[in-house]
Amino acid sequence: MNIEQARFNMIEQQIRPWNVLDLDVLSLLGVARREDFVPAVHKALAFSDTEIPLADGGRDGQIMLAPRLEARLLQEARVQRHERVLEIGTGSGYMAALLGHRAQSVLTLERVPALARQAAESLRAAGVTNVTVREADGARGAAGDAPFDVIVLSGSVARVPADLIDQLKPGGRLLAVVGDLPMMVAQRITRLPNGGLHTEPLFDTVAPRLVGFSDSPRFQF
């Protein structure tokens, strides 16, 4: 496989057509080595338009998101160089690496010990020094390190917990895929200067549920 041709095709055939048009994001995707964060057994899928299983064969939603979804969330987060970022659901560590290239610092939370260790090793090998991987349940965020300029949920939730929204700075943005199958919506929630919230639906998509987050209540008869 020609790695650079495959990377180029991923950007031009999957990511750019999905309304990822920020030139800085596209440039970053051209140099960030996604293949270095993919499990060895799935290296051939590194640039495919698909989710890649991580620990336990992807059981319980442990996957690497499809490239176009990672890229679109990165674009919509609008991360600036002076900002502090919290990511929920480290997974492979690749999204944390992308965020690290754009932010001042990133704290990323992963509840699966093996994934947290592997992500930290991959980030070190990639020379990403401003990302901290913490083994923790991300459903409550990291209140002791708050507030954050940006919070990114790398997976879906039935609803965004108030505990996470409370950890945003004024002007801060939270990116999450919200809802239930068969269709979910990526949202950007912004904390306004007066303390209020503005929620923007961005695009329809689906993503595996983040482990540890409550599902929507079901009707019982």
N, C-alpha and C. Protein backbone atom coordinates (compact mmCIF):
# COMPACT_ATOMS: atom_id res chain seq x y z
N MET A 1 0.84 -1.20 0.00
CA MET A 1 0.00 0.00 0.00
C MET A 1 0.88 1.25 0.00
N ASN A 2 0.58 2.18 -0.88
CA ASN A 2 1.25 3.47 -0.90
C ASN A 2 0.62 4.35 0.18
N ILE A 3 1.32 4.52 1.30
CA ILE A 3 0.75 5.19 2.46
C ILE A 3 0.32 6.62 2.12
N GLU A 4 1.17 7.37 1.47
CA GLU A 4 0.85 8.77 1.21
C GLU A 4 -0.29 8.91 0.22
N GLN A 5 -0.38 8.01 -0.75
CA GLN A 5 -1.50 8.04 -1.68
C GLN A 5 -2.80 7.71 -0.95
N ALA A 6 -2.73 6.73 -0.04
CA ALA A 6 -3.92 6.36 0.73
C ALA A 6 -4.37 7.51 1.63
N ARG A 7 -3.41 8.22 2.22
CA ARG A 7 -3.74 9.38 3.06
C ARG A 7 -4.41 10.48 2.22
N PHE A 8 -3.82 10.73 1.05
CA PHE A 8 -4.38 11.74 0.14
C PHE A 8 -5.80 11.37 -0.27
N ASN A 9 -6.01 10.10 -0.61
CA ASN A 9 -7.35 9.66 -1.01
C ASN A 9 -8.35 9.80 0.13
N MET A 10 -7.91 9.49 1.35
CA MET A 10 -8.79 9.64 2.52
C MET A 10 -9.27 11.09 2.64
N ILE A 11 -8.34 12.02 2.50
CA ILE A 11 -8.68 13.44 2.64
C ILE A 11 -9.58 13.90 1.51
N GLU A 12 -9.22 13.55 0.28
CA GLU A 12 -9.93 14.09 -0.89
C GLU A 12 -11.24 13.36 -1.19
N GLN A 13 -11.33 12.07 -0.85
CA GLN A 13 -12.52 11.30 -1.21
C GLN A 13 -13.49 11.09 -0.06
N GLN A 14 -13.00 11.17 1.19
CA GLN A 14 -13.87 10.96 2.34
C GLN A 14 -14.12 12.25 3.12
N ILE A 15 -13.04 12.97 3.42
CA ILE A 15 -13.11 14.05 4.40
C ILE A 15 -13.56 15.36 3.77
N ARG A 16 -12.91 15.79 2.70
CA ARG A 16 -13.29 17.05 2.07
C ARG A 16 -14.76 17.02 1.58
N PRO A 17 -15.23 15.92 0.96
CA PRO A 17 -16.63 15.91 0.52
C PRO A 17 -17.65 15.96 1.68
N TRP A 18 -17.17 15.73 2.90
CA TRP A 18 -18.08 15.75 4.06
C TRP A 18 -18.04 17.14 4.71
N ASN A 19 -17.82 18.16 3.89
CA ASN A 19 -17.84 19.56 4.32
C ASN A 19 -16.75 19.91 5.32
N VAL A 20 -15.64 19.20 5.26
CA VAL A 20 -14.47 19.60 6.03
C VAL A 20 -13.61 20.43 5.07
N LEU A 21 -13.69 21.74 5.20
CA LEU A 21 -13.08 22.65 4.24
C LEU A 21 -12.04 23.58 4.88
N ASP A 22 -11.86 23.47 6.20
CA ASP A 22 -10.87 24.29 6.90
C ASP A 22 -9.48 23.83 6.44
N LEU A 23 -8.75 24.74 5.81
CA LEU A 23 -7.47 24.37 5.22
C LEU A 23 -6.45 23.94 6.28
N ASP A 24 -6.53 24.54 7.47
CA ASP A 24 -5.61 24.15 8.53
C ASP A 24 -5.89 22.72 8.99
N VAL A 25 -7.17 22.36 9.08
CA VAL A 25 -7.54 21.00 9.46
C VAL A 25 -7.08 20.02 8.38
N LEU A 26 -7.33 20.32 7.13
CA LEU A 26 -6.94 19.43 6.04
C LEU A 26 -5.42 19.27 6.00
N SER A 27 -4.70 20.36 6.23
CA SER A 27 -3.24 20.28 6.25
C SER A 27 -2.75 19.39 7.38
N LEU A 28 -3.36 19.53 8.55
CA LEU A 28 -2.98 18.71 9.70
C LEU A 28 -3.23 17.23 9.41
N LEU A 29 -4.36 16.91 8.80
CA LEU A 29 -4.67 15.53 8.48
C LEU A 29 -3.68 14.95 7.47
N GLY A 30 -3.06 15.82 6.70
CA GLY A 30 -2.08 15.36 5.73
C GLY A 30 -0.74 14.99 6.34
N VAL A 31 -0.48 15.47 7.56
CA VAL A 31 0.82 15.18 8.18
C VAL A 31 0.70 14.33 9.45
N ALA A 32 -0.47 14.34 10.09
CA ALA A 32 -0.66 13.52 11.29
C ALA A 32 -0.77 12.05 10.87
N ARG A 33 0.05 11.20 11.44
CA ARG A 33 0.18 9.82 10.98
C ARG A 33 -0.88 8.94 11.66
N ARG A 34 -2.05 8.91 11.06
CA ARG A 34 -3.16 8.13 11.61
C ARG A 34 -2.79 6.66 11.77
N GLU A 35 -2.02 6.15 10.83
CA GLU A 35 -1.66 4.74 10.85
C GLU A 35 -0.88 4.34 12.10
N ASP A 36 -0.21 5.30 12.75
CA ASP A 36 0.56 4.99 13.95
C ASP A 36 -0.32 4.79 15.18
N PHE A 37 -1.61 5.10 15.07
CA PHE A 37 -2.53 4.94 16.20
C PHE A 37 -3.49 3.77 16.00
N VAL A 38 -3.36 3.08 14.87
CA VAL A 38 -4.25 1.96 14.55
C VAL A 38 -3.63 0.66 15.07
N PRO A 39 -4.42 -0.22 15.70
CA PRO A 39 -3.86 -1.52 16.12
C PRO A 39 -3.22 -2.25 14.95
N ALA A 40 -2.10 -2.91 15.22
CA ALA A 40 -1.32 -3.55 14.16
C ALA A 40 -2.16 -4.48 13.30
N VAL A 41 -3.10 -5.19 13.91
CA VAL A 41 -3.90 -6.16 13.16
C VAL A 41 -4.83 -5.47 12.15
N HIS A 42 -5.06 -4.16 12.34
CA HIS A 42 -5.98 -3.45 11.45
C HIS A 42 -5.28 -2.35 10.65
N LYS A 43 -3.97 -2.41 10.51
CA LYS A 43 -3.23 -1.35 9.81
C LYS A 43 -3.77 -1.10 8.41
N ALA A 44 -4.23 -2.15 7.75
CA ALA A 44 -4.72 -2.00 6.38
C ALA A 44 -5.98 -1.13 6.31
N LEU A 45 -6.64 -0.94 7.45
CA LEU A 45 -7.87 -0.14 7.49
C LEU A 45 -7.62 1.30 7.91
N ALA A 46 -6.36 1.68 8.09
CA ALA A 46 -6.05 2.99 8.68
C ALA A 46 -6.71 4.14 7.95
N PHE A 47 -6.86 4.07 6.64
CA PHE A 47 -7.39 5.18 5.87
C PHE A 47 -8.76 4.88 5.27
N SER A 48 -9.38 3.81 5.73
CA SER A 48 -10.69 3.41 5.21
C SER A 48 -11.81 4.21 5.87
N ASP A 49 -12.91 4.34 5.17
CA ASP A 49 -14.08 5.05 5.68
C ASP A 49 -14.88 4.12 6.58
N THR A 50 -14.29 3.80 7.73
CA THR A 50 -14.92 2.84 8.62
C THR A 50 -14.41 3.04 10.04
N GLU A 51 -15.16 2.54 11.01
CA GLU A 51 -14.70 2.50 12.39
C GLU A 51 -13.76 1.31 12.56
N ILE A 52 -12.74 1.47 13.39
CA ILE A 52 -11.75 0.41 13.58
C ILE A 52 -11.82 -0.10 15.01
N PRO A 53 -12.01 -1.42 15.21
CA PRO A 53 -12.08 -1.97 16.56
C PRO A 53 -10.77 -1.77 17.32
N LEU A 54 -10.91 -1.51 18.62
CA LEU A 54 -9.74 -1.36 19.49
C LEU A 54 -9.72 -2.52 20.47
N ALA A 55 -9.78 -2.25 21.77
CA ALA A 55 -9.70 -3.32 22.78
C ALA A 55 -10.90 -4.25 22.66
N ASP A 56 -10.66 -5.53 22.93
CA ASP A 56 -11.71 -6.55 22.95
C ASP A 56 -12.48 -6.61 21.64
N GLY A 57 -11.78 -6.34 20.53
CA GLY A 57 -12.43 -6.43 19.24
C GLY A 57 -13.52 -5.40 19.03
N GLY A 58 -13.46 -4.30 19.76
CA GLY A 58 -14.47 -3.27 19.60
C GLY A 58 -15.70 -3.49 20.46
N ARG A 59 -15.66 -4.49 21.33
CA ARG A 59 -16.79 -4.75 22.20
C ARG A 59 -17.07 -3.54 23.08
N ASP A 60 -18.35 -3.30 23.36
CA ASP A 60 -18.76 -2.17 24.20
C ASP A 60 -18.35 -0.83 23.59
N GLY A 61 -18.29 -0.78 22.26
CA GLY A 61 -18.07 0.50 21.61
C GLY A 61 -16.64 1.00 21.60
N GLN A 62 -15.67 0.14 21.91
CA GLN A 62 -14.28 0.58 21.92
C GLN A 62 -13.74 0.56 20.49
N ILE A 63 -13.89 1.69 19.82
CA ILE A 63 -13.49 1.77 18.41
C ILE A 63 -12.77 3.09 18.16
N MET A 64 -12.11 3.14 17.01
CA MET A 64 -11.55 4.37 16.48
C MET A 64 -12.57 4.92 15.50
N LEU A 65 -13.01 6.15 15.71
CA LEU A 65 -14.03 6.73 14.86
C LEU A 65 -13.57 6.80 13.40
N ALA A 66 -14.52 6.82 12.48
CA ALA A 66 -14.20 6.96 11.06
C ALA A 66 -13.50 8.29 10.82
N PRO A 67 -12.57 8.35 9.86
CA PRO A 67 -11.79 9.58 9.64
C PRO A 67 -12.65 10.82 9.39
N ARG A 68 -13.73 10.69 8.64
CA ARG A 68 -14.52 11.88 8.32
C ARG A 68 -15.22 12.45 9.54
N LEU A 69 -15.61 11.58 10.48
CA LEU A 69 -16.25 12.09 11.69
C LEU A 69 -15.23 12.76 12.59
N GLU A 70 -14.05 12.17 12.74
CA GLU A 70 -12.98 12.80 13.52
C GLU A 70 -12.67 14.19 12.95
N ALA A 71 -12.53 14.26 11.63
CA ALA A 71 -12.17 15.52 10.98
C ALA A 71 -13.26 16.57 11.14
N ARG A 72 -14.50 16.15 11.01
CA ARG A 72 -15.61 17.12 11.11
C ARG A 72 -15.74 17.65 12.54
N LEU A 73 -15.59 16.78 13.53
CA LEU A 73 -15.64 17.24 14.92
C LEU A 73 -14.49 18.19 15.21
N LEU A 74 -13.31 17.87 14.68
CA LEU A 74 -12.15 18.75 14.88
C LEU A 74 -12.42 20.12 14.28
N GLN A 75 -12.97 20.15 13.08
CA GLN A 75 -13.27 21.43 12.43
C GLN A 75 -14.28 22.23 13.23
N GLU A 76 -15.35 21.57 13.67
CA GLU A 76 -16.44 22.28 14.34
C GLU A 76 -16.07 22.71 15.75
N ALA A 77 -15.03 22.11 16.33
CA ALA A 77 -14.59 22.53 17.67
C ALA A 77 -13.91 23.89 17.65
N ARG A 78 -13.34 24.27 16.51
CA ARG A 78 -12.73 25.59 16.34
C ARG A 78 -11.66 25.87 17.41
N VAL A 79 -10.82 24.90 17.64
CA VAL A 79 -9.81 25.02 18.70
C VAL A 79 -8.77 26.06 18.32
N GLN A 80 -8.42 26.91 19.30
CA GLN A 80 -7.39 27.93 19.12
C GLN A 80 -6.15 27.57 19.91
N ARG A 81 -5.02 28.15 19.52
CA ARG A 81 -3.74 27.75 20.08
C ARG A 81 -3.62 28.01 21.58
N HIS A 82 -4.35 28.97 22.13
CA HIS A 82 -4.23 29.30 23.54
C HIS A 82 -5.19 28.50 24.41
N GLU A 83 -5.97 27.59 23.84
CA GLU A 83 -7.08 26.97 24.57
C GLU A 83 -6.71 25.63 25.21
N ARG A 84 -7.45 25.33 26.29
CA ARG A 84 -7.33 24.07 27.00
C ARG A 84 -8.51 23.18 26.62
N VAL A 85 -8.21 21.92 26.32
CA VAL A 85 -9.22 21.01 25.79
C VAL A 85 -9.35 19.79 26.69
N LEU A 86 -10.58 19.32 26.86
CA LEU A 86 -10.88 18.05 27.51
C LEU A 86 -11.51 17.14 26.48
N GLU A 87 -10.96 15.93 26.33
CA GLU A 87 -11.58 14.92 25.48
C GLU A 87 -12.09 13.78 26.35
N ILE A 88 -13.29 13.31 26.05
CA ILE A 88 -13.87 12.16 26.74
C ILE A 88 -13.84 10.98 25.77
N GLY A 89 -13.13 9.93 26.15
CA GLY A 89 -13.03 8.74 25.30
C GLY A 89 -11.78 8.77 24.44
N THR A 90 -10.62 8.51 25.04
CA THR A 90 -9.35 8.60 24.33
C THR A 90 -9.26 7.62 23.17
N GLY A 91 -9.71 6.39 23.42
CA GLY A 91 -9.61 5.38 22.38
C GLY A 91 -8.17 5.16 21.95
N SER A 92 -7.90 5.33 20.66
CA SER A 92 -6.55 5.11 20.11
C SER A 92 -5.59 6.24 20.47
N GLY A 93 -6.12 7.42 20.79
CA GLY A 93 -5.29 8.59 21.05
C GLY A 93 -5.14 9.50 19.85
N TYR A 94 -5.66 9.09 18.69
CA TYR A 94 -5.46 9.89 17.48
C TYR A 94 -6.20 11.22 17.54
N MET A 95 -7.44 11.22 18.01
CA MET A 95 -8.18 12.48 18.12
C MET A 95 -7.49 13.42 19.11
N ALA A 96 -6.97 12.86 20.19
CA ALA A 96 -6.22 13.67 21.16
C ALA A 96 -4.99 14.28 20.51
N ALA A 97 -4.34 13.52 19.64
CA ALA A 97 -3.17 14.04 18.93
C ALA A 97 -3.55 15.20 18.02
N LEU A 98 -4.65 15.06 17.29
CA LEU A 98 -5.12 16.15 16.43
C LEU A 98 -5.43 17.39 17.25
N LEU A 99 -6.14 17.20 18.36
CA LEU A 99 -6.48 18.33 19.23
C LEU A 99 -5.21 18.96 19.79
N GLY A 100 -4.24 18.12 20.14
CA GLY A 100 -2.99 18.63 20.70
C GLY A 100 -2.23 19.52 19.72
N HIS A 101 -2.33 19.22 18.44
CA HIS A 101 -1.66 20.04 17.44
C HIS A 101 -2.28 21.44 17.33
N ARG A 102 -3.52 21.59 17.80
CA ARG A 102 -4.21 22.87 17.64
C ARG A 102 -4.37 23.63 18.96
N ALA A 103 -4.21 22.96 20.09
CA ALA A 103 -4.51 23.55 21.40
C ALA A 103 -3.23 23.84 22.18
N GLN A 104 -3.42 24.55 23.29
CA GLN A 104 -2.31 24.73 24.23
C GLN A 104 -2.05 23.43 24.97
N SER A 105 -3.14 22.78 25.44
CA SER A 105 -3.00 21.52 26.16
C SER A 105 -4.29 20.73 26.05
N VAL A 106 -4.16 19.42 26.18
CA VAL A 106 -5.30 18.51 26.09
C VAL A 106 -5.22 17.52 27.25
N LEU A 107 -6.34 17.35 27.94
CA LEU A 107 -6.51 16.27 28.91
C LEU A 107 -7.52 15.32 28.32
N THR A 108 -7.15 14.06 28.16
CA THR A 108 -8.06 13.08 27.57
C THR A 108 -8.28 11.94 28.54
N LEU A 109 -9.54 11.54 28.71
CA LEU A 109 -9.93 10.54 29.71
C LEU A 109 -10.35 9.24 29.03
N GLU A 110 -9.82 8.13 29.52
CA GLU A 110 -10.14 6.80 28.99
C GLU A 110 -10.35 5.84 30.15
N ARG A 111 -11.48 5.14 30.14
CA ARG A 111 -11.80 4.26 31.27
C ARG A 111 -11.21 2.86 31.13
N VAL A 112 -10.78 2.47 29.94
CA VAL A 112 -10.20 1.13 29.74
C VAL A 112 -8.68 1.23 29.93
N PRO A 113 -8.13 0.59 30.96
CA PRO A 113 -6.70 0.75 31.26
C PRO A 113 -5.78 0.44 30.09
N ALA A 114 -6.04 -0.66 29.37
CA ALA A 114 -5.16 -1.03 28.26
C ALA A 114 -5.17 0.02 27.17
N LEU A 115 -6.32 0.61 26.90
CA LEU A 115 -6.40 1.65 25.88
C LEU A 115 -5.67 2.91 26.34
N ALA A 116 -5.84 3.27 27.60
CA ALA A 116 -5.16 4.45 28.12
C ALA A 116 -3.65 4.30 28.01
N ARG A 117 -3.14 3.13 28.35
CA ARG A 117 -1.68 2.90 28.27
C ARG A 117 -1.21 2.96 26.83
N GLN A 118 -1.93 2.28 25.92
CA GLN A 118 -1.51 2.26 24.52
C GLN A 118 -1.58 3.65 23.90
N ALA A 119 -2.63 4.41 24.22
CA ALA A 119 -2.75 5.76 23.67
C ALA A 119 -1.60 6.64 24.14
N ALA A 120 -1.25 6.54 25.42
CA ALA A 120 -0.14 7.33 25.95
C ALA A 120 1.16 6.98 25.24
N GLU A 121 1.38 5.68 24.99
CA GLU A 121 2.59 5.26 24.28
C GLU A 121 2.60 5.78 22.84
N SER A 122 1.45 5.72 22.17
CA SER A 122 1.37 6.19 20.79
C SER A 122 1.61 7.69 20.71
N LEU A 123 1.08 8.43 21.65
CA LEU A 123 1.27 9.88 21.67
C LEU A 123 2.74 10.23 21.91
N ARG A 124 3.39 9.51 22.84
CA ARG A 124 4.81 9.76 23.09
C ARG A 124 5.63 9.46 21.84
N ALA A 125 5.33 8.34 21.19
CA ALA A 125 6.07 7.96 19.99
C ALA A 125 5.88 8.98 18.87
N ALA A 126 4.71 9.62 18.84
CA ALA A 126 4.42 10.62 17.81
C ALA A 126 4.97 11.99 18.16
N GLY A 127 5.56 12.13 19.35
CA GLY A 127 6.14 13.40 19.77
C GLY A 127 5.12 14.44 20.19
N VAL A 128 3.93 13.98 20.57
CA VAL A 128 2.88 14.90 21.03
C VAL A 128 3.06 15.06 22.54
N THR A 129 3.55 16.20 22.97
CA THR A 129 3.94 16.39 24.37
C THR A 129 2.95 17.19 25.19
N ASN A 130 1.92 17.75 24.58
CA ASN A 130 0.98 18.59 25.33
C ASN A 130 -0.35 17.89 25.58
N VAL A 131 -0.37 16.56 25.47
CA VAL A 131 -1.57 15.76 25.75
C VAL A 131 -1.30 14.88 26.96
N THR A 132 -2.21 14.92 27.93
CA THR A 132 -2.15 14.06 29.11
C THR A 132 -3.27 13.04 29.03
N VAL A 133 -2.91 11.75 29.09
CA VAL A 133 -3.90 10.67 29.11
C VAL A 133 -4.14 10.27 30.56
N ARG A 134 -5.40 10.26 30.95
CA ARG A 134 -5.75 9.88 32.33
C ARG A 134 -6.73 8.72 32.30
N GLU A 135 -6.42 7.67 33.04
CA GLU A 135 -7.37 6.56 33.17
C GLU A 135 -8.48 7.00 34.12
N ALA A 136 -9.67 7.21 33.58
CA ALA A 136 -10.78 7.72 34.38
C ALA A 136 -12.08 7.53 33.62
N ASP A 137 -13.17 7.47 34.37
CA ASP A 137 -14.52 7.46 33.79
C ASP A 137 -14.86 8.89 33.40
N GLY A 138 -15.08 9.12 32.13
CA GLY A 138 -15.27 10.48 31.65
C GLY A 138 -16.66 11.05 31.82
N ALA A 139 -17.61 10.27 32.34
CA ALA A 139 -19.00 10.75 32.39
C ALA A 139 -19.15 12.00 33.24
N ARG A 140 -18.26 12.18 34.22
CA ARG A 140 -18.32 13.38 35.05
C ARG A 140 -17.23 14.39 34.70
N GLY A 141 -16.47 14.08 33.66
CA GLY A 141 -15.45 15.02 33.22
C GLY A 141 -14.28 15.08 34.17
N ALA A 142 -13.72 16.27 34.32
CA ALA A 142 -12.55 16.48 35.17
C ALA A 142 -12.72 17.81 35.88
N ALA A 143 -13.63 17.83 36.86
CA ALA A 143 -13.99 19.08 37.53
C ALA A 143 -12.78 19.74 38.18
N GLY A 144 -11.84 18.93 38.68
CA GLY A 144 -10.67 19.49 39.34
C GLY A 144 -9.74 20.23 38.41
N ASP A 145 -9.88 20.00 37.11
CA ASP A 145 -9.04 20.67 36.11
C ASP A 145 -9.81 21.73 35.33
N ALA A 146 -11.10 21.83 35.57
CA ALA A 146 -11.95 22.77 34.84
C ALA A 146 -11.66 24.21 35.31
N PRO A 147 -12.09 25.21 34.51
CA PRO A 147 -12.91 25.09 33.30
C PRO A 147 -12.06 24.90 32.06
N PHE A 148 -12.73 24.41 30.99
CA PHE A 148 -12.08 24.16 29.72
C PHE A 148 -12.66 25.06 28.64
N ASP A 149 -11.82 25.34 27.63
CA ASP A 149 -12.29 26.11 26.48
C ASP A 149 -13.09 25.23 25.52
N VAL A 150 -12.68 23.98 25.42
CA VAL A 150 -13.33 23.04 24.50
C VAL A 150 -13.43 21.68 25.18
N ILE A 151 -14.58 21.02 25.01
CA ILE A 151 -14.76 19.64 25.44
C ILE A 151 -15.26 18.86 24.22
N VAL A 152 -14.60 17.74 23.93
CA VAL A 152 -14.98 16.90 22.80
C VAL A 152 -15.32 15.51 23.31
N LEU A 153 -16.49 15.01 22.95
CA LEU A 153 -16.90 13.65 23.29
C LEU A 153 -16.66 12.78 22.07
N SER A 154 -15.72 11.86 22.16
CA SER A 154 -15.36 11.00 21.03
C SER A 154 -16.20 9.73 21.03
N GLY A 155 -17.48 9.94 20.85
CA GLY A 155 -18.49 8.89 20.87
C GLY A 155 -19.82 9.54 21.12
N SER A 156 -20.88 8.76 21.12
CA SER A 156 -22.22 9.35 21.27
C SER A 156 -22.75 9.21 22.69
N VAL A 157 -23.72 10.07 23.00
CA VAL A 157 -24.43 10.04 24.28
C VAL A 157 -25.91 10.26 24.00
N ALA A 158 -26.76 9.72 24.89
CA ALA A 158 -28.19 9.97 24.75
C ALA A 158 -28.51 11.42 25.06
N ARG A 159 -27.79 11.96 26.03
CA ARG A 159 -27.92 13.38 26.37
C ARG A 159 -26.59 13.81 26.97
N VAL A 160 -26.28 15.10 26.88
CA VAL A 160 -25.02 15.60 27.42
C VAL A 160 -25.20 15.87 28.91
N PRO A 161 -24.39 15.26 29.77
CA PRO A 161 -24.54 15.47 31.22
C PRO A 161 -24.28 16.93 31.60
N ALA A 162 -25.09 17.43 32.52
CA ALA A 162 -24.91 18.81 33.00
C ALA A 162 -23.53 18.98 33.64
N ASP A 163 -23.00 17.92 34.25
CA ASP A 163 -21.68 18.01 34.87
C ASP A 163 -20.61 18.43 33.86
N LEU A 164 -20.74 17.97 32.62
CA LEU A 164 -19.75 18.34 31.60
C LEU A 164 -19.96 19.78 31.13
N ILE A 165 -21.19 20.15 30.91
CA ILE A 165 -21.47 21.51 30.46
C ILE A 165 -20.99 22.52 31.49
N ASP A 166 -21.12 22.18 32.77
CA ASP A 166 -20.69 23.08 33.84
C ASP A 166 -19.18 23.32 33.83
N GLN A 167 -18.43 22.48 33.12
CA GLN A 167 -16.97 22.61 33.09
C GLN A 167 -16.47 23.45 31.92
N LEU A 168 -17.40 24.08 31.19
CA LEU A 168 -17.02 24.99 30.10
C LEU A 168 -16.79 26.39 30.61
N LYS A 169 -15.79 27.05 30.08
CA LYS A 169 -15.60 28.48 30.31
C LYS A 169 -16.67 29.28 29.55
N PRO A 170 -16.92 30.53 29.92
CA PRO A 170 -17.71 31.40 29.06
C PRO A 170 -17.06 31.47 27.68
N GLY A 171 -17.84 31.24 26.66
CA GLY A 171 -17.30 31.17 25.31
C GLY A 171 -16.82 29.79 24.92
N GLY A 172 -16.81 28.86 25.88
CA GLY A 172 -16.35 27.50 25.61
C GLY A 172 -17.36 26.71 24.81
N ARG A 173 -16.85 25.70 24.08
CA ARG A 173 -17.68 24.87 23.22
C ARG A 173 -17.57 23.40 23.60
N LEU A 174 -18.70 22.71 23.58
CA LEU A 174 -18.72 21.26 23.78
C LEU A 174 -19.26 20.62 22.51
N LEU A 175 -18.52 19.64 21.99
CA LEU A 175 -18.92 18.91 20.78
C LEU A 175 -19.32 17.50 21.18
N ALA A 176 -20.51 17.08 20.74
CA ALA A 176 -20.99 15.75 21.08
C ALA A 176 -21.94 15.25 20.01
N VAL A 177 -21.95 13.93 19.81
CA VAL A 177 -22.96 13.28 18.98
C VAL A 177 -24.05 12.81 19.93
N VAL A 178 -25.27 13.30 19.73
CA VAL A 178 -26.35 13.13 20.71
C VAL A 178 -27.55 12.43 20.07
N GLY A 179 -28.16 11.50 20.83
CA GLY A 179 -29.38 10.86 20.37
C GLY A 179 -29.27 9.35 20.38
N ASP A 180 -30.19 8.73 19.67
CA ASP A 180 -30.29 7.27 19.62
C ASP A 180 -30.37 6.81 18.18
N LEU A 181 -30.00 5.57 17.94
CA LEU A 181 -30.16 4.99 16.61
C LEU A 181 -31.64 4.99 16.22
N PRO A 182 -31.94 5.18 14.94
CA PRO A 182 -31.04 5.06 13.79
C PRO A 182 -30.36 6.36 13.37
N MET A 183 -30.68 7.48 14.00
CA MET A 183 -30.06 8.73 13.58
C MET A 183 -29.74 9.58 14.79
N MET A 184 -28.54 10.09 14.83
CA MET A 184 -28.08 10.98 15.89
C MET A 184 -27.68 12.31 15.26
N VAL A 185 -27.43 13.31 16.10
CA VAL A 185 -27.08 14.64 15.62
C VAL A 185 -25.83 15.12 16.34
N ALA A 186 -24.84 15.57 15.60
CA ALA A 186 -23.69 16.22 16.20
C ALA A 186 -24.09 17.63 16.60
N GLN A 187 -23.78 18.01 17.82
CA GLN A 187 -24.16 19.31 18.35
C GLN A 187 -22.94 20.06 18.86
N ARG A 188 -23.02 21.38 18.78
CA ARG A 188 -22.04 22.25 19.43
C ARG A 188 -22.80 23.08 20.46
N ILE A 189 -22.43 22.90 21.73
CA ILE A 189 -23.05 23.64 22.82
C ILE A 189 -22.05 24.69 23.28
N THR A 190 -22.45 25.95 23.24
CA THR A 190 -21.58 27.06 23.59
C THR A 190 -22.09 27.74 24.86
N ARG A 191 -21.18 27.95 25.83
CA ARG A 191 -21.56 28.70 27.03
C ARG A 191 -21.43 30.19 26.72
N LEU A 192 -22.51 30.91 26.86
CA LEU A 192 -22.55 32.34 26.55
C LEU A 192 -21.94 33.15 27.69
N PRO A 193 -21.53 34.38 27.43
CA PRO A 193 -20.93 35.22 28.48
C PRO A 193 -21.84 35.43 29.69
N ASN A 194 -23.16 35.39 29.47
CA ASN A 194 -24.10 35.58 30.58
C ASN A 194 -24.41 34.29 31.32
N GLY A 195 -23.72 33.21 30.94
CA GLY A 195 -23.93 31.92 31.60
C GLY A 195 -24.93 31.03 30.92
N GLY A 196 -25.67 31.55 29.96
CA GLY A 196 -26.63 30.75 29.22
C GLY A 196 -25.94 29.82 28.24
N LEU A 197 -26.74 29.02 27.55
CA LEU A 197 -26.21 28.04 26.60
C LEU A 197 -26.85 28.22 25.24
N HIS A 198 -26.06 28.01 24.20
CA HIS A 198 -26.57 28.02 22.83
C HIS A 198 -26.22 26.68 22.20
N THR A 199 -27.24 25.93 21.76
CA THR A 199 -27.03 24.61 21.18
C THR A 199 -27.29 24.67 19.69
N GLU A 200 -26.31 24.24 18.91
CA GLU A 200 -26.42 24.24 17.45
C GLU A 200 -26.38 22.80 16.94
N PRO A 201 -27.42 22.35 16.22
CA PRO A 201 -27.31 21.07 15.51
C PRO A 201 -26.42 21.27 14.30
N LEU A 202 -25.42 20.40 14.11
CA LEU A 202 -24.44 20.59 13.06
C LEU A 202 -24.64 19.66 11.87
N PHE A 203 -24.79 18.36 12.14
CA PHE A 203 -24.98 17.41 11.04
C PHE A 203 -25.49 16.10 11.62
N ASP A 204 -26.18 15.34 10.78
CA ASP A 204 -26.67 14.02 11.18
C ASP A 204 -25.55 13.00 11.02
N THR A 205 -25.48 12.07 11.96
CA THR A 205 -24.47 11.03 11.89
C THR A 205 -24.86 9.93 12.86
N VAL A 206 -24.03 8.93 13.01
CA VAL A 206 -24.16 7.92 14.07
C VAL A 206 -22.75 7.65 14.61
N ALA A 207 -22.68 7.28 15.87
CA ALA A 207 -21.41 6.92 16.50
C ALA A 207 -21.70 5.97 17.65
N PRO A 208 -20.78 5.07 17.96
CA PRO A 208 -20.98 4.16 19.09
C PRO A 208 -21.12 4.94 20.39
N ARG A 209 -21.91 4.37 21.30
CA ARG A 209 -22.16 5.01 22.58
C ARG A 209 -20.90 4.99 23.45
N LEU A 210 -20.60 6.10 24.08
CA LEU A 210 -19.54 6.14 25.07
C LEU A 210 -19.94 5.30 26.28
N VAL A 211 -19.06 4.45 26.72
CA VAL A 211 -19.34 3.58 27.86
C VAL A 211 -19.41 4.43 29.13
N GLY A 212 -20.41 4.13 29.97
CA GLY A 212 -20.54 4.83 31.25
C GLY A 212 -21.54 5.96 31.23
N PHE A 213 -22.08 6.28 30.05
CA PHE A 213 -23.09 7.33 29.94
C PHE A 213 -24.47 6.69 29.88
N SER A 214 -25.43 7.29 30.56
CA SER A 214 -26.78 6.73 30.63
C SER A 214 -27.46 6.78 29.27
N ASP A 215 -28.24 5.74 28.98
CA ASP A 215 -29.06 5.74 27.77
C ASP A 215 -30.35 6.49 28.03
N SER A 216 -31.07 6.77 26.93
CA SER A 216 -32.38 7.40 27.07
C SER A 216 -33.32 6.45 27.81
N PRO A 217 -34.24 6.98 28.63
CA PRO A 217 -35.19 6.13 29.30
C PRO A 217 -36.12 5.45 28.29
N ARG A 218 -36.47 4.22 28.55
CA ARG A 218 -37.36 3.47 27.66
C ARG A 218 -38.77 3.45 28.25
N PHE A 219 -39.75 3.47 27.34
CA PHE A 219 -41.13 3.36 27.79
C PHE A 219 -41.41 1.94 28.29
N GLN A 220 -42.14 1.85 29.35
CA GLN A 220 -42.54 0.56 29.89
C GLN A 220 -44.07 0.50 29.95
N PHE A 221 -44.60 -0.68 29.61
CA PHE A 221 -46.06 -0.85 29.58
C PHE A 221 -46.46 -1.83 30.69
